[in-house]
Protein backbone atom coordinates (compact mmCIF):
# COMPACT_ATOMS: atom_id res chain seq x y z
CA UNK A 1 14.63 0.65 8.41
CA UNK A 2 17.94 1.03 6.63
CA UNK A 3 18.94 4.21 4.83
CA UNK A 4 21.47 4.38 2.02
CA UNK A 5 22.77 7.54 0.42
CA UNK A 6 22.40 7.01 -3.35
CA UNK A 7 25.84 8.41 -4.12
CA UNK A 8 27.41 6.11 -1.51
CA UNK A 9 25.56 2.94 -2.53
CA UNK A 10 28.37 0.55 -3.33
CA UNK A 11 26.59 -2.80 -3.22
CA UNK A 12 24.54 -4.27 -6.06
CA UNK A 13 20.81 -3.77 -6.22
CA UNK A 14 20.41 -7.48 -5.53
CA UNK A 15 22.25 -7.02 -2.22
CA UNK A 16 19.82 -4.32 -1.06
CA UNK A 17 16.77 -6.25 -2.30
CA UNK A 18 17.74 -9.29 -0.21
CA UNK A 19 17.42 -7.16 2.91
CA UNK A 20 13.92 -5.79 2.33
CA UNK A 21 12.20 -8.86 3.80
CA UNK A 22 13.52 -7.78 7.19
CA UNK A 23 13.16 -4.01 6.85
CA UNK A 24 12.67 -1.39 4.12
CA UNK A 25 15.67 0.27 2.52
CA UNK A 26 15.26 4.01 2.04
CA UNK A 27 17.46 5.62 -0.60
CA UNK A 28 18.41 9.21 0.13
CA UNK A 29 20.04 12.05 -1.74
CA UNK A 30 21.69 14.71 0.42
CA UNK A 31 19.91 13.19 3.42
CA UNK A 32 16.41 13.44 1.91
CA UNK A 33 14.44 10.32 0.95
CA UNK A 34 14.08 9.81 -2.80
CA UNK A 35 13.04 6.16 -3.12
CA UNK A 36 12.25 3.08 -1.08
CA UNK A 37 12.84 -0.61 -1.55
CA UNK A 38 10.09 -2.53 0.24
CA UNK A 39 8.93 -6.10 0.21
CA UNK A 40 5.82 -6.73 -1.87
CA UNK A 41 5.80 -10.43 -1.14
CA UNK A 42 2.23 -11.69 -1.12
CA UNK A 43 0.90 -8.74 -3.13
CA UNK A 44 -0.46 -9.08 -6.65
CA UNK A 45 0.44 -6.90 -9.64
CA UNK A 46 -2.89 -5.06 -9.59
CA UNK A 47 -2.56 -4.07 -5.93
CA UNK A 48 0.96 -2.79 -6.46
CA UNK A 49 -0.02 -0.89 -9.60
CA UNK A 50 -3.10 0.72 -8.03
CA UNK A 51 -1.37 1.64 -4.77
CA UNK A 52 1.21 3.65 -6.70
CA UNK A 53 -1.25 5.30 -9.09
CA UNK A 54 -1.88 8.93 -8.06
CA UNK A 55 -5.29 9.11 -9.79
CA UNK A 56 -6.51 5.95 -8.06
CA UNK A 57 -5.20 7.12 -4.69
CA UNK A 58 -7.00 10.46 -5.15
CA UNK A 59 -10.26 8.55 -5.73
CA UNK A 60 -9.68 6.53 -2.56
CA UNK A 61 -8.89 9.65 -0.51
CA UNK A 62 -12.02 11.39 -1.81
CA UNK A 63 -14.07 8.33 -0.92
CA UNK A 64 -12.60 8.28 2.59
CA UNK A 65 -13.31 12.00 3.00
CA UNK A 66 -16.87 11.51 1.86
CA UNK A 67 -17.33 8.60 4.27
CA UNK A 68 -16.05 10.73 7.17
CA UNK A 69 -18.28 13.70 6.37
CA UNK A 70 -21.42 12.03 5.04
CA UNK A 71 -21.29 8.57 6.55
CA UNK A 72 -21.87 5.33 4.76
CA UNK A 73 -24.16 2.34 4.51
CA UNK A 74 -23.51 -0.48 6.98
CA UNK A 75 -22.62 -3.79 5.33
CA UNK A 76 -25.72 -5.42 6.86
CA UNK A 77 -27.89 -2.84 5.04
CA UNK A 78 -26.06 -3.44 1.76
CA UNK A 79 -26.63 -7.21 2.15
CA UNK A 80 -30.32 -6.59 2.94
CA UNK A 81 -30.77 -4.36 -0.12
CA UNK A 82 -29.06 -6.91 -2.36
CA UNK A 83 -30.84 -9.89 -0.82
CA UNK A 84 -27.59 -11.48 0.31
CA UNK A 85 -27.57 -13.59 3.45
CA UNK A 86 -24.97 -12.85 6.08
CA UNK A 87 -21.96 -15.16 5.55
CA UNK A 88 -21.59 -17.93 8.10
CA UNK A 89 -18.70 -17.82 10.58
CA UNK A 90 -16.87 -20.65 8.83
CA UNK A 91 -16.73 -18.93 5.43
């Protein structure tokens, strides 16, 4: 991971972006992280948008909490209830 103090950043944004395939670039202000440049290669717009949406992430965290405390339904049971055959190994 590379860190760059915002006030000391002398290179162009394009220069920093070229490096994110190898490792993230963390931008700092007075030594504290304020932003990150990370590779999103292979991700789609929806995934990027949802992963940075605080409301969506709160829903996911609540769902994870509920799963930990109350348990869930195994995928085999969901398939049985929906009448879906188990996918074959080649699919």
